Amino acid sequence: MTLNGLIKLTSLLQDPHLTIIQWQILLVVAQNPGETITDLVYDEKLDCGTPSDIAVSVKRLGEGRRDRLGLGLLKKKRHEDDARYFRLFLSAKGKKLIEKLKLKLRTIR
């Protein structure tokens, strides 16, 4: 990728205003739907922090907290074998954002 392409990519990733860690989580979940945070960390698919660090970003990308709305880009489904864990999926909004990113990336050289 050229320097111009890299500059375009960084500006593209700033819309919407997500952190690099949040982008990494979205992209990894897009490639690995239905896995838990723990699975993604221990399989070294997510290397942007500990499971508890990542859980904070997942909450922000998902439904949010009582005092702060989430972005609605991720959905969590309770793990059928262990209720302490959640399986992660992109929401319809999250899928749309990833597709938009993929389309824009095709134009960057």
C-alpha atoms as a PDB file:
ATOM      1  CA  MET A   1       0.000   0.000   0.000  1.00  0.00           C
ATOM      2  CA  THR A   2       1.294   3.438  -0.870  1.00  0.00           C
ATOM      3  CA  LEU A   3       1.625   6.279   1.608  1.00  0.00           C
ATOM      4  CA  ASN A   4      -1.394   7.937  -0.005  1.00  0.00           C
ATOM      5  CA  GLY A   5      -3.351   4.716   0.426  1.00  0.00           C
ATOM      6  CA  LEU A   6      -2.348   4.545   4.082  1.00  0.00           C
ATOM      7  CA  ILE A   7      -3.473   8.140   4.633  1.00  0.00           C
ATOM      8  CA  LYS A   8      -6.835   7.361   2.992  1.00  0.00           C
ATOM      9  CA  LEU A   9      -7.187   4.239   5.137  1.00  0.00           C
ATOM     10  CA  THR A  10      -6.572   6.122   8.395  1.00  0.00           C
ATOM     11  CA  SER A  11      -9.132   8.779   7.444  1.00  0.00           C
ATOM     12  CA  LEU A  12     -11.604   6.043   6.493  1.00  0.00           C
ATOM     13  CA  LEU A  13     -11.194   4.365   9.893  1.00  0.00           C
ATOM     14  CA  GLN A  14     -12.045   7.620  11.661  1.00  0.00           C
ATOM     15  CA  ASP A  15     -15.609   7.537  10.377  1.00  0.00           C
ATOM     16  CA  PRO A  16     -17.453   6.591  12.515  1.00  0.00           C
ATOM     17  CA  HIS A  17     -15.255   7.569  15.411  1.00  0.00           C
ATOM     18  CA  LEU A  18     -14.077   4.151  16.545  1.00  0.00           C
ATOM     19  CA  THR A  19     -10.768   3.352  18.150  1.00  0.00           C
ATOM     20  CA  ILE A  20      -8.310   1.003  16.464  1.00  0.00           C
ATOM     21  CA  ILE A  21      -9.145  -1.571  19.162  1.00  0.00           C
ATOM     22  CA  GLN A  22     -12.867  -1.275  18.376  1.00  0.00           C
ATOM     23  CA  TRP A  23     -12.165  -1.696  14.652  1.00  0.00           C
ATOM     24  CA  GLN A  24     -10.037  -4.756  15.389  1.00  0.00           C
ATOM     25  CA  ILE A  25     -12.828  -6.286  17.464  1.00  0.00           C
ATOM     26  CA  LEU A  26     -15.410  -5.656  14.729  1.00  0.00           C
ATOM     27  CA  LEU A  27     -13.211  -7.131  11.996  1.00  0.00           C
ATOM     28  CA  VAL A  28     -12.275 -10.188  14.055  1.00  0.00           C
ATOM     29  CA  VAL A  29     -15.905 -10.846  15.018  1.00  0.00           C
ATOM     30  CA  ALA A  30     -16.877 -10.464  11.351  1.00  0.00           C
ATOM     31  CA  GLN A  31     -14.408 -13.246  10.507  1.00  0.00           C
ATOM     32  CA  ASN A  32     -15.266 -15.379  13.559  1.00  0.00           C
ATOM     33  CA  PRO A  33     -18.992 -15.007  14.298  1.00  0.00           C
ATOM     34  CA  GLY A  34     -20.266 -16.849  17.342  1.00  0.00           C
ATOM     35  CA  GLU A  35     -17.001 -17.023  19.265  1.00  0.00           C
ATOM     36  CA  THR A  36     -16.566 -15.678  22.784  1.00  0.00           C
ATOM     37  CA  ILE A  37     -14.142 -12.956  23.824  1.00  0.00           C
ATOM     38  CA  THR A  38     -12.109 -15.557  25.694  1.00  0.00           C
ATOM     39  CA  ASP A  39     -11.896 -17.810  22.626  1.00  0.00           C
ATOM     40  CA  LEU A  40     -10.768 -14.914  20.451  1.00  0.00           C
ATOM     41  CA  VAL A  41      -8.090 -13.815  22.932  1.00  0.00           C
ATOM     42  CA  TYR A  42      -6.697 -17.257  23.707  1.00  0.00           C
ATOM     43  CA  ASP A  43      -6.706 -18.259  20.024  1.00  0.00           C
ATOM     44  CA  GLU A  44      -4.686 -15.043  19.477  1.00  0.00           C
ATOM     45  CA  LYS A  45      -7.222 -13.650  17.032  1.00  0.00           C
ATOM     46  CA  LEU A  46      -7.647 -10.594  19.269  1.00  0.00           C
ATOM     47  CA  ASP A  47      -4.416  -9.230  20.676  1.00  0.00           C
ATOM     48  CA  CYS A  48      -5.537  -5.786  21.763  1.00  0.00           C
ATOM     49  CA  GLY A  49      -5.785  -6.478  25.500  1.00  0.00           C
ATOM     50  CA  THR A  50      -7.041  -8.826  28.152  1.00  0.00           C
ATOM     51  CA  PRO A  51     -10.529 -10.331  28.011  1.00  0.00           C
ATOM     52  CA  SER A  52     -11.747  -7.780  30.579  1.00  0.00           C
ATOM     53  CA  ASP A  53     -10.263  -4.856  28.575  1.00  0.00           C
ATOM     54  CA  ILE A  54     -11.927  -6.128  25.434  1.00  0.00           C
ATOM     55  CA  ALA A  55     -15.237  -6.660  27.254  1.00  0.00           C
ATOM     56  CA  VAL A  56     -15.402  -2.902  27.901  1.00  0.00           C
ATOM     57  CA  SER A  57     -15.031  -2.177  24.167  1.00  0.00           C
ATOM     58  CA  VAL A  58     -17.527  -4.927  23.292  1.00  0.00           C
ATOM     59  CA  LYS A  59     -20.039  -3.329  25.634  1.00  0.00           C
ATOM     60  CA  ARG A  60     -19.517   0.039  23.914  1.00  0.00           C
ATOM     61  CA  LEU A  61     -19.830  -1.572  20.462  1.00  0.00           C
ATOM     62  CA  GLY A  62     -22.966  -3.412  21.572  1.00  0.00           C
ATOM     63  CA  GLU A  63     -25.800  -2.338  23.795  1.00  0.00           C
ATOM     64  CA  GLY A  64     -23.805  -0.056  26.079  1.00  0.00           C
ATOM     65  CA  ARG A  65     -24.301   0.436  29.797  1.00  0.00           C
ATOM     66  CA  ARG A  66     -27.134   1.792  31.902  1.00  0.00           C
ATOM     67  CA  ASP A  67     -25.611   5.275  31.830  1.00  0.00           C
ATOM     68  CA  ARG A  68     -24.254   5.243  28.257  1.00  0.00           C
ATOM     69  CA  LEU A  69     -25.822   3.970  25.060  1.00  0.00           C
ATOM     70  CA  GLY A  70     -23.834   1.594  22.899  1.00  0.00           C
ATOM     71  CA  LEU A  71     -23.198   1.854  19.173  1.00  0.00           C
ATOM     72  CA  GLY A  72     -25.349  -1.157  18.257  1.00  0.00           C
ATOM     73  CA  LEU A  73     -22.663  -2.728  16.028  1.00  0.00           C
ATOM     74  CA  LEU A  74     -22.371  -6.030  17.958  1.00  0.00           C
ATOM     75  CA  LYS A  75     -24.885  -8.486  19.373  1.00  0.00           C
ATOM     76  CA  LYS A  76     -24.225 -10.851  22.246  1.00  0.00           C
ATOM     77  CA  LYS A  77     -25.961 -14.187  22.715  1.00  0.00           C
ATOM     78  CA  ARG A  78     -25.589 -16.106  25.938  1.00  0.00           C
ATOM     79  CA  HIS A  79     -23.427 -19.201  25.531  1.00  0.00           C
ATOM     80  CA  GLU A  80     -25.621 -22.305  25.637  1.00  0.00           C
ATOM     81  CA  ASP A  81     -23.135 -24.350  27.713  1.00  0.00           C
ATOM     82  CA  ASP A  82     -21.925 -21.690  30.147  1.00  0.00           C
ATOM     83  CA  ALA A  83     -24.110 -18.709  31.046  1.00  0.00           C
ATOM     84  CA  ARG A  84     -21.050 -16.674  32.111  1.00  0.00           C
ATOM     85  CA  TYR A  85     -20.001 -16.321  28.472  1.00  0.00           C
ATOM     86  CA  PHE A  86     -21.504 -14.643  25.441  1.00  0.00           C
ATOM     87  CA  ARG A  87     -21.108 -15.416  21.770  1.00  0.00           C
ATOM     88  CA  LEU A  88     -20.412 -12.339  19.635  1.00  0.00           C
ATOM     89  CA  PHE A  89     -22.024 -11.478  16.305  1.00  0.00           C
ATOM     90  CA  LEU A  90     -22.224  -8.390  14.145  1.00  0.00           C
ATOM     91  CA  SER A  91     -25.606  -6.682  14.227  1.00  0.00           C
ATOM     92  CA  ALA A  92     -27.229  -5.630  10.954  1.00  0.00           C
ATOM     93  CA  LYS A  93     -25.735  -2.183  11.516  1.00  0.00           C
ATOM     94  CA  GLY A  94     -22.302  -3.725  12.146  1.00  0.00           C
ATOM     95  CA  LYS A  95     -22.506  -5.836   8.975  1.00  0.00           C
ATOM     96  CA  LYS A  96     -23.441  -2.751   6.970  1.00  0.00           C
ATOM     97  CA  LEU A  97     -20.435  -0.848   8.365  1.00  0.00           C
ATOM     98  CA  ILE A  98     -18.012  -3.685   7.540  1.00  0.00           C
ATOM     99  CA  GLU A  99     -19.400  -3.951   3.996  1.00  0.00           C
ATOM    100  CA  LYS A 100     -19.024  -0.189   3.591  1.00  0.00           C
ATOM    101  CA  LEU A 101     -15.409  -0.453   4.757  1.00  0.00           C
ATOM    102  CA  LYS A 102     -14.695  -3.318   2.334  1.00  0.00           C
ATOM    103  CA  LEU A 103     -16.119  -1.328  -0.590  1.00  0.00           C
ATOM    104  CA  LYS A 104     -14.023   1.713   0.272  1.00  0.00           C
ATOM    105  CA  LEU A 105     -10.883  -0.387   0.741  1.00  0.00           C
ATOM    106  CA  ARG A 106     -11.190  -1.645  -2.837  1.00  0.00           C
ATOM    107  CA  THR A 107     -10.644   1.894  -4.071  1.00  0.00           C
ATOM    108  CA  ILE A 108      -7.482   2.464  -2.023  1.00  0.00           C
ATOM    109  CA  ARG A 109      -4.156   1.658  -3.617  1.00  0.00           C
END
